[in-house]
Amino acid sequence: MDTLKTRRSIRKFKADEVSDEVLNPLFEKAFRSSTTGNMQLYSVVITRDKAQKEKLAPAHFNQPAYANAPMVITFCADFNRFTKWCEQRNATPGYDNAESFACAAIDTVIAAQTFCVAAEEAGLGICYLGTTTYNPDQIAEVLQLPKLVVPIVTLSVGYPAEDPQCSDRLPISAIVHQEVYKDYAPADIDRIFAEKESLKENQQFVSENQKENLAQVFTDIRYTKKDMEFFSQKLMDFIRKQGF
C-alpha cells in the first residue's frame, strides 16, 4: 500500500509506548532532510512524562488528538545551537532577524514532515497539532526553550487505535501551475471546490453550524478574522521575545 497516497491523521492511539529504539531510526531519516546551508536549524523535544504532558496540555487546548497520544514531539526552529557554535569559534553570528527565522522554520517543517513519512511507513500514526503557533509562549515555558528557539510543529505520535477514512483533497489541477501562476476565474473556483462541497460530511458541517455554505464554516467558525489576527500578533510578539 502506498502510505503517502493513503495517509490520514490519527487521533486515537493505543496505550503502547513508542521506544527510543523505534524513534531513533526515524529521526536519523528525518535529520537527513534538506536544510539551509547544512546548518540543521531545528531541535526536537519529546514529551512522554504524564506530568509534563499535563503541563503542556492547555497550550494545545486539551484536544483529544493530544490527550489520547502516548507521546508528543515538538519540532522547534533553533538558531541557538548554531549561534553558540559560532561564538565559541570566534565567529560573529548575525542570525537574530526575520530571514534567519524563516530559514530555521523551513528547516523545521521539512524535518518534521520527513519524520512523519518515516513514522507512518513504520506503522505509527501521527497528527499535526495546529495549536503550536497559537500558544508558542506557553509551550516555550513548559519546554524551557531559550532565546532563538521557537516551537513550530507538534506531532501526536503512537500506534493507531483507529482506521479513519482519508480526508478529501483538491485535484492536482487546482494546485499545479505551468510556467506562471494562472489566477482563478469564478468558474475555476466552482469546479475546484465542487467535490469538497458535495461531500456528505462537509454538508453536515454546514448544517450543524447553520451556515449557507462550507466557506462560511471556515470564515465564521473555524478560522475567524478575529482569531487569526489575535494569534498572529501573539506569534509575532513571541518571535521577537525569543530574539528574532
C-alpha atoms as a PDB file:
ATOM      1  CA  MET A   1       0.000   0.000   0.000  1.00  0.00           C
ATOM      2  CA  ASP A   2       1.236   3.493  -0.885  1.00  0.00           C
ATOM      3  CA  THR A   3       1.344   5.186   2.529  1.00  0.00           C
ATOM      4  CA  LEU A   4       1.753   8.635   1.001  1.00  0.00           C
ATOM      5  CA  LYS A   5      -1.397   8.395  -1.132  1.00  0.00           C
ATOM      6  CA  THR A   6      -3.470   6.825   1.653  1.00  0.00           C
ATOM      7  CA  ARG A   7      -2.189   8.799   4.654  1.00  0.00           C
ATOM      8  CA  ARG A   8      -4.588  10.186   7.245  1.00  0.00           C
ATOM      9  CA  SER A   9      -4.342  11.853  10.612  1.00  0.00           C
ATOM     10  CA  ILE A  10      -4.688   9.578  13.632  1.00  0.00           C
ATOM     11  CA  ARG A  11      -6.394  10.948  16.742  1.00  0.00           C
ATOM     12  CA  LYS A  12      -6.919   7.734  18.723  1.00  0.00           C
ATOM     13  CA  PHE A  13      -3.884   5.774  19.848  1.00  0.00           C
ATOM     14  CA  LYS A  14      -3.093   2.554  21.660  1.00  0.00           C
ATOM     15  CA  ALA A  15      -1.537   2.929  25.111  1.00  0.00           C
ATOM     16  CA  ASP A  16       1.674   1.227  23.942  1.00  0.00           C
ATOM     17  CA  GLU A  17       4.819   3.304  24.405  1.00  0.00           C
ATOM     18  CA  VAL A  18       6.957   4.215  21.400  1.00  0.00           C
ATOM     19  CA  SER A  19      10.513   3.375  22.405  1.00  0.00           C
ATOM     20  CA  ASP A  20      13.706   5.203  21.505  1.00  0.00           C
ATOM     21  CA  GLU A  21      14.718   2.070  19.620  1.00  0.00           C
ATOM     22  CA  VAL A  22      11.759   2.721  17.307  1.00  0.00           C
ATOM     23  CA  LEU A  23      12.118   6.501  17.202  1.00  0.00           C
ATOM     24  CA  ASN A  24      15.837   6.948  16.669  1.00  0.00           C
ATOM     25  CA  PRO A  25      15.968   5.318  13.215  1.00  0.00           C
ATOM     26  CA  LEU A  26      13.084   7.587  12.198  1.00  0.00           C
ATOM     27  CA  PHE A  27      14.965  10.640  13.449  1.00  0.00           C
ATOM     28  CA  GLU A  28      18.034   9.520  11.514  1.00  0.00           C
ATOM     29  CA  LYS A  29      15.952   9.601   8.353  1.00  0.00           C
ATOM     30  CA  ALA A  30      14.286  12.906   9.244  1.00  0.00           C
ATOM     31  CA  PHE A  31      17.588  14.593  10.001  1.00  0.00           C
ATOM     32  CA  ARG A  32      18.866  13.713   6.515  1.00  0.00           C
ATOM     33  CA  SER A  33      16.287  16.149   5.138  1.00  0.00           C
ATOM     34  CA  SER A  34      17.260  19.153   3.060  1.00  0.00           C
ATOM     35  CA  THR A  35      18.464  22.011   5.263  1.00  0.00           C
ATOM     36  CA  THR A  36      19.674  25.586   4.785  1.00  0.00           C
ATOM     37  CA  GLY A  37      23.459  25.610   4.387  1.00  0.00           C
ATOM     38  CA  ASN A  38      23.632  22.196   6.103  1.00  0.00           C
ATOM     39  CA  MET A  39      23.054  24.028   9.396  1.00  0.00           C
ATOM     40  CA  GLN A  40      20.149  21.829  10.630  1.00  0.00           C
ATOM     41  CA  LEU A  41      18.315  24.708  12.264  1.00  0.00           C
ATOM     42  CA  TYR A  42      15.902  22.676  14.401  1.00  0.00           C
ATOM     43  CA  SER A  43      15.659  20.842  17.688  1.00  0.00           C
ATOM     44  CA  VAL A  44      13.179  18.209  18.836  1.00  0.00           C
ATOM     45  CA  VAL A  45      11.631  17.840  22.295  1.00  0.00           C
ATOM     46  CA  ILE A  46       9.913  14.545  23.156  1.00  0.00           C
ATOM     47  CA  THR A  47       7.211  14.618  25.834  1.00  0.00           C
ATOM     48  CA  ARG A  48       6.231  11.281  27.359  1.00  0.00           C
ATOM     49  CA  ASP A  49       6.084  12.006  31.093  1.00  0.00           C
ATOM     50  CA  LYS A  50       2.474  12.236  32.268  1.00  0.00           C
ATOM     51  CA  ALA A  51       3.027  15.269  34.489  1.00  0.00           C
ATOM     52  CA  GLN A  52       4.926  17.119  31.785  1.00  0.00           C
ATOM     53  CA  LYS A  53       2.272  16.235  29.248  1.00  0.00           C
ATOM     54  CA  GLU A  54      -0.406  17.644  31.558  1.00  0.00           C
ATOM     55  CA  LYS A  55       1.540  20.915  31.854  1.00  0.00           C
ATOM     56  CA  LEU A  56       1.658  21.166  28.074  1.00  0.00           C
ATOM     57  CA  ALA A  57      -1.984  20.217  27.524  1.00  0.00           C
ATOM     58  CA  PRO A  58      -3.568  23.698  27.958  1.00  0.00           C
ATOM     59  CA  ALA A  59      -1.337  25.087  25.195  1.00  0.00           C
ATOM     60  CA  HIS A  60      -2.954  22.541  22.878  1.00  0.00           C
ATOM     61  CA  PHE A  61      -6.467  23.227  24.221  1.00  0.00           C
ATOM     62  CA  ASN A  62      -6.579  19.717  25.731  1.00  0.00           C
ATOM     63  CA  GLN A  63      -7.751  18.430  22.372  1.00  0.00           C
ATOM     64  CA  PRO A  64      -8.387  14.669  22.066  1.00  0.00           C
ATOM     65  CA  ALA A  65      -5.639  14.176  19.472  1.00  0.00           C
ATOM     66  CA  TYR A  66      -3.209  15.417  22.110  1.00  0.00           C
ATOM     67  CA  ALA A  67      -4.722  13.755  25.162  1.00  0.00           C
ATOM     68  CA  ASN A  68      -5.057  10.338  23.508  1.00  0.00           C
ATOM     69  CA  ALA A  69      -1.424  10.099  22.392  1.00  0.00           C
ATOM     70  CA  PRO A  70       1.244   8.313  24.461  1.00  0.00           C
ATOM     71  CA  MET A  71       3.729  10.971  23.407  1.00  0.00           C
ATOM     72  CA  VAL A  72       4.041  14.268  21.588  1.00  0.00           C
ATOM     73  CA  ILE A  73       7.054  15.594  19.729  1.00  0.00           C
ATOM     74  CA  THR A  74       7.674  19.324  19.389  1.00  0.00           C
ATOM     75  CA  PHE A  75       9.854  20.407  16.459  1.00  0.00           C
ATOM     76  CA  CYS A  76      11.444  23.793  17.125  1.00  0.00           C
ATOM     77  CA  ALA A  77      13.172  26.295  14.883  1.00  0.00           C
ATOM     78  CA  ASP A  78      16.571  26.620  16.556  1.00  0.00           C
ATOM     79  CA  PHE A  79      19.312  29.150  15.846  1.00  0.00           C
ATOM     80  CA  ASN A  80      20.543  28.929  19.446  1.00  0.00           C
ATOM     81  CA  ARG A  81      22.835  25.942  18.869  1.00  0.00           C
ATOM     82  CA  PHE A  82      24.409  27.314  15.685  1.00  0.00           C
ATOM     83  CA  THR A  83      24.849  30.792  17.184  1.00  0.00           C
ATOM     84  CA  LYS A  84      26.658  29.374  20.223  1.00  0.00           C
ATOM     85  CA  TRP A  85      28.934  27.344  17.968  1.00  0.00           C
ATOM     86  CA  CYS A  86      29.844  30.492  16.040  1.00  0.00           C
ATOM     87  CA  GLU A  87      30.527  32.457  19.224  1.00  0.00           C
ATOM     88  CA  GLN A  88      32.720  29.711  20.643  1.00  0.00           C
ATOM     89  CA  ARG A  89      34.784  29.702  17.424  1.00  0.00           C
ATOM     90  CA  ASN A  90      35.448  33.447  17.354  1.00  0.00           C
ATOM     91  CA  ALA A  91      32.900  33.917  14.555  1.00  0.00           C
ATOM     92  CA  THR A  92      30.357  36.730  14.817  1.00  0.00           C
ATOM     93  CA  PRO A  93      26.787  35.444  14.220  1.00  0.00           C
ATOM     94  CA  GLY A  94      24.086  37.661  12.746  1.00  0.00           C
ATOM     95  CA  TYR A  95      21.090  35.374  12.985  1.00  0.00           C
ATOM     96  CA  ASP A  96      18.630  37.407  15.067  1.00  0.00           C
ATOM     97  CA  ASN A  97      16.498  38.513  12.111  1.00  0.00           C
ATOM     98  CA  ALA A  98      13.458  37.580  10.034  1.00  0.00           C
ATOM     99  CA  GLU A  99      15.423  35.816   7.290  1.00  0.00           C
ATOM    100  CA  SER A 100      17.167  33.625   9.848  1.00  0.00           C
ATOM    101  CA  PHE A 101      13.851  32.754  11.460  1.00  0.00           C
ATOM    102  CA  ALA A 102      12.390  31.874   8.059  1.00  0.00           C
ATOM    103  CA  CYS A 103      15.347  29.588   7.303  1.00  0.00           C
ATOM    104  CA  ALA A 104      15.002  27.835  10.657  1.00  0.00           C
ATOM    105  CA  ALA A 105      11.224  27.488  10.344  1.00  0.00           C
ATOM    106  CA  ILE A 106      11.525  25.979   6.863  1.00  0.00           C
ATOM    107  CA  ASP A 107      14.204  23.549   8.046  1.00  0.00           C
ATOM    108  CA  THR A 108      11.953  22.550  10.931  1.00  0.00           C
ATOM    109  CA  VAL A 109       8.885  21.837   8.811  1.00  0.00           C
ATOM    110  CA  ILE A 110      10.899  19.805   6.292  1.00  0.00           C
ATOM    111  CA  ALA A 111      12.399  17.680   9.067  1.00  0.00           C
ATOM    112  CA  ALA A 112       9.018  17.221  10.743  1.00  0.00           C
ATOM    113  CA  GLN A 113       7.306  16.091   7.549  1.00  0.00           C
ATOM    114  CA  THR A 114      10.129  13.692   6.716  1.00  0.00           C
ATOM    115  CA  PHE A 115       9.756  12.230  10.195  1.00  0.00           C
ATOM    116  CA  CYS A 116       6.024  11.806   9.584  1.00  0.00           C
ATOM    117  CA  VAL A 117       6.586   9.905   6.357  1.00  0.00           C
ATOM    118  CA  ALA A 118       9.129   7.617   8.021  1.00  0.00           C
ATOM    119  CA  ALA A 119       6.882   7.106  11.066  1.00  0.00           C
ATOM    120  CA  GLU A 120       3.845   6.161   9.001  1.00  0.00           C
ATOM    121  CA  GLU A 121       5.924   3.749   6.927  1.00  0.00           C
ATOM    122  CA  ALA A 122       6.979   2.135  10.214  1.00  0.00           C
ATOM    123  CA  GLY A 123       3.360   1.611  11.259  1.00  0.00           C
ATOM    124  CA  LEU A 124       2.967   4.599  13.574  1.00  0.00           C
ATOM    125  CA  GLY A 125       0.169   7.144  13.421  1.00  0.00           C
ATOM    126  CA  ILE A 126       0.667  10.898  13.628  1.00  0.00           C
ATOM    127  CA  CYS A 127      -1.420  14.018  13.921  1.00  0.00           C
ATOM    128  CA  TYR A 128      -0.229  17.571  13.386  1.00  0.00           C
ATOM    129  CA  LEU A 129      -1.466  19.882  16.149  1.00  0.00           C
ATOM    130  CA  GLY A 130      -2.232  23.286  14.682  1.00  0.00           C
ATOM    131  CA  THR A 131      -2.189  24.830  18.144  1.00  0.00           C
ATOM    132  CA  THR A 132       1.612  25.108  18.292  1.00  0.00           C
ATOM    133  CA  THR A 133       1.767  28.549  16.721  1.00  0.00           C
ATOM    134  CA  TYR A 134      -1.321  29.656  18.664  1.00  0.00           C
ATOM    135  CA  ASN A 135       0.388  29.321  22.036  1.00  0.00           C
ATOM    136  CA  PRO A 136       4.161  29.283  21.469  1.00  0.00           C
ATOM    137  CA  ASP A 137       4.787  31.224  24.685  1.00  0.00           C
ATOM    138  CA  GLN A 138       3.097  28.583  26.848  1.00  0.00           C
ATOM    139  CA  ILE A 139       4.905  25.772  25.050  1.00  0.00           C
ATOM    140  CA  ALA A 140       8.259  27.513  25.393  1.00  0.00           C
ATOM    141  CA  GLU A 141       7.750  27.969  29.130  1.00  0.00           C
ATOM    142  CA  VAL A 142       6.943  24.302  29.707  1.00  0.00           C
ATOM    143  CA  LEU A 143       9.747  23.060  27.461  1.00  0.00           C
ATOM    144  CA  GLN A 144      12.204  25.682  28.792  1.00  0.00           C
ATOM    145  CA  LEU A 145      13.142  26.934  25.336  1.00  0.00           C
ATOM    146  CA  PRO A 146      15.975  29.517  25.318  1.00  0.00           C
ATOM    147  CA  LYS A 147      16.403  32.551  23.064  1.00  0.00           C
ATOM    148  CA  LEU A 148      16.432  31.885  19.306  1.00  0.00           C
ATOM    149  CA  VAL A 149      14.289  28.753  19.741  1.00  0.00           C
ATOM    150  CA  VAL A 150      10.634  28.812  18.617  1.00  0.00           C
ATOM    151  CA  PRO A 151       8.169  25.864  18.564  1.00  0.00           C
ATOM    152  CA  ILE A 152       6.832  25.356  15.054  1.00  0.00           C
ATOM    153  CA  VAL A 153       5.275  21.880  14.809  1.00  0.00           C
ATOM    154  CA  THR A 154       3.857  19.497  17.413  1.00  0.00           C
ATOM    155  CA  LEU A 155       3.031  15.913  16.492  1.00  0.00           C
ATOM    156  CA  SER A 156       0.964  13.405  18.411  1.00  0.00           C
ATOM    157  CA  VAL A 157       2.659  10.066  17.835  1.00  0.00           C
ATOM    158  CA  GLY A 158       1.698   6.492  18.670  1.00  0.00           C
ATOM    159  CA  TYR A 159       0.347   3.218  17.385  1.00  0.00           C
ATOM    160  CA  PRO A 160      -3.064   3.748  15.737  1.00  0.00           C
ATOM    161  CA  ALA A 161      -6.216   2.646  17.532  1.00  0.00           C
ATOM    162  CA  GLU A 162      -8.454   3.674  14.633  1.00  0.00           C
ATOM    163  CA  ASP A 163      -8.598   3.363  10.869  1.00  0.00           C
ATOM    164  CA  PRO A 164     -10.232   6.584   9.639  1.00  0.00           C
ATOM    165  CA  GLN A 165     -11.039   7.394   6.050  1.00  0.00           C
ATOM    166  CA  CYS A 166      -8.708   9.607   4.070  1.00  0.00           C
ATOM    167  CA  SER A 167      -9.658  13.270   4.105  1.00  0.00           C
ATOM    168  CA  ASP A 168     -10.648  14.930   0.856  1.00  0.00           C
ATOM    169  CA  ARG A 169      -8.033  16.802  -1.169  1.00  0.00           C
ATOM    170  CA  LEU A 170      -8.279  19.271  -4.044  1.00  0.00           C
ATOM    171  CA  PRO A 171      -7.442  17.929  -7.521  1.00  0.00           C
ATOM    172  CA  ILE A 172      -3.894  18.344  -8.824  1.00  0.00           C
ATOM    173  CA  SER A 173      -5.168  20.753 -11.471  1.00  0.00           C
ATOM    174  CA  ALA A 174      -6.275  23.107  -8.700  1.00  0.00           C
ATOM    175  CA  ILE A 175      -2.780  23.467  -7.329  1.00  0.00           C
ATOM    176  CA  VAL A 176      -0.226  22.977 -10.106  1.00  0.00           C
ATOM    177  CA  HIS A 177       0.562  25.920 -12.398  1.00  0.00           C
ATOM    178  CA  GLN A 178       2.644  25.572 -15.558  1.00  0.00           C
ATOM    179  CA  GLU A 179       5.420  28.171 -16.029  1.00  0.00           C
ATOM    180  CA  VAL A 180       3.471  31.036 -14.437  1.00  0.00           C
ATOM    181  CA  TYR A 181       0.713  31.392 -11.854  1.00  0.00           C
ATOM    182  CA  LYS A 182      -2.673  31.417 -13.561  1.00  0.00           C
ATOM    183  CA  ASP A 183      -5.211  33.164 -11.375  1.00  0.00           C
ATOM    184  CA  TYR A 184      -8.596  31.557 -10.789  1.00  0.00           C
ATOM    185  CA  ALA A 185     -11.747  32.693 -12.564  1.00  0.00           C
ATOM    186  CA  PRO A 186     -15.074  32.209 -10.747  1.00  0.00           C
ATOM    187  CA  ALA A 187     -15.791  29.137 -12.873  1.00  0.00           C
ATOM    188  CA  ASP A 188     -12.409  27.659 -11.856  1.00  0.00           C
ATOM    189  CA  ILE A 189     -13.225  28.111  -8.174  1.00  0.00           C
ATOM    190  CA  ASP A 190     -16.618  26.444  -8.621  1.00  0.00           C
ATOM    191  CA  ARG A 191     -15.016  23.489 -10.400  1.00  0.00           C
ATOM    192  CA  ILE A 192     -12.104  23.111  -7.978  1.00  0.00           C
ATOM    193  CA  PHE A 193     -14.218  23.102  -4.822  1.00  0.00           C
ATOM    194  CA  ALA A 194     -17.235  21.240  -6.211  1.00  0.00           C
ATOM    195  CA  GLU A 195     -16.273  17.807  -4.889  1.00  0.00           C
ATOM    196  CA  LYS A 196     -15.295  19.124  -1.447  1.00  0.00           C
ATOM    197  CA  GLU A 197     -18.590  20.977  -1.136  1.00  0.00           C
ATOM    198  CA  SER A 198     -20.592  17.937  -2.223  1.00  0.00           C
ATOM    199  CA  LEU A 199     -19.215  15.548   0.390  1.00  0.00           C
ATOM    200  CA  LYS A 200     -21.796  14.405   2.934  1.00  0.00           C
ATOM    201  CA  GLU A 201     -19.582  15.162   5.937  1.00  0.00           C
ATOM    202  CA  ASN A 202     -18.909  18.700   4.703  1.00  0.00           C
ATOM    203  CA  GLN A 203     -22.581  19.331   4.029  1.00  0.00           C
ATOM    204  CA  GLN A 204     -23.184  18.178   7.604  1.00  0.00           C
ATOM    205  CA  PHE A 205     -20.686  20.791   8.867  1.00  0.00           C
ATOM    206  CA  VAL A 206     -22.689  23.449   7.033  1.00  0.00           C
ATOM    207  CA  SER A 207     -25.966  22.242   8.516  1.00  0.00           C
ATOM    208  CA  GLU A 208     -24.663  21.856  12.062  1.00  0.00           C
ATOM    209  CA  ASN A 209     -23.221  25.360  12.047  1.00  0.00           C
ATOM    210  CA  GLN A 210     -26.301  26.873  10.389  1.00  0.00           C
ATOM    211  CA  LYS A 211     -24.308  28.410   7.555  1.00  0.00           C
ATOM    212  CA  GLU A 212     -25.073  28.919   3.886  1.00  0.00           C
ATOM    213  CA  ASN A 213     -22.007  27.063   2.612  1.00  0.00           C
ATOM    214  CA  LEU A 214     -18.727  25.405   3.577  1.00  0.00           C
ATOM    215  CA  ALA A 215     -16.642  28.533   3.054  1.00  0.00           C
ATOM    216  CA  GLN A 216     -18.646  30.283   5.789  1.00  0.00           C
ATOM    217  CA  VAL A 217     -17.833  27.440   8.186  1.00  0.00           C
ATOM    218  CA  PHE A 218     -14.167  28.346   7.736  1.00  0.00           C
ATOM    219  CA  THR A 219     -14.526  32.137   7.859  1.00  0.00           C
ATOM    220  CA  ASP A 220     -17.186  32.379  10.575  1.00  0.00           C
ATOM    221  CA  ILE A 221     -16.481  29.357  12.789  1.00  0.00           C
ATOM    222  CA  ARG A 222     -13.151  27.606  12.326  1.00  0.00           C
ATOM    223  CA  TYR A 223     -10.669  30.349  11.377  1.00  0.00           C
ATOM    224  CA  THR A 224     -12.233  33.728  12.023  1.00  0.00           C
ATOM    225  CA  LYS A 225     -10.524  37.004  11.185  1.00  0.00           C
ATOM    226  CA  LYS A 226     -10.601  37.992  14.847  1.00  0.00           C
ATOM    227  CA  ASP A 227      -8.912  34.783  15.996  1.00  0.00           C
ATOM    228  CA  MET A 228      -6.317  34.766  13.223  1.00  0.00           C
ATOM    229  CA  GLU A 229      -5.340  38.376  13.935  1.00  0.00           C
ATOM    230  CA  PHE A 230      -5.129  37.680  17.671  1.00  0.00           C
ATOM    231  CA  PHE A 231      -2.884  34.646  17.241  1.00  0.00           C
ATOM    232  CA  SER A 232      -0.830  36.430  14.570  1.00  0.00           C
ATOM    233  CA  GLN A 233       0.020  39.232  16.985  1.00  0.00           C
ATOM    234  CA  LYS A 234       0.728  36.743  19.748  1.00  0.00           C
ATOM    235  CA  LEU A 235       3.096  34.790  17.499  1.00  0.00           C
ATOM    236  CA  MET A 236       4.916  37.887  16.266  1.00  0.00           C
ATOM    237  CA  ASP A 237       5.378  39.154  19.822  1.00  0.00           C
ATOM    238  CA  PHE A 238       6.782  35.805  20.903  1.00  0.00           C
ATOM    239  CA  ILE A 239       9.190  35.554  17.957  1.00  0.00           C
ATOM    240  CA  ARG A 240      10.568  38.981  18.899  1.00  0.00           C
ATOM    241  CA  LYS A 241      10.780  37.940  22.556  1.00  0.00           C
ATOM    242  CA  GLN A 242      12.867  34.948  21.508  1.00  0.00           C
ATOM    243  CA  GLY A 243      15.417  37.252  19.907  1.00  0.00           C
ATOM    244  CA  PHE A 244      14.499  37.347  16.224  1.00  0.00           C
END
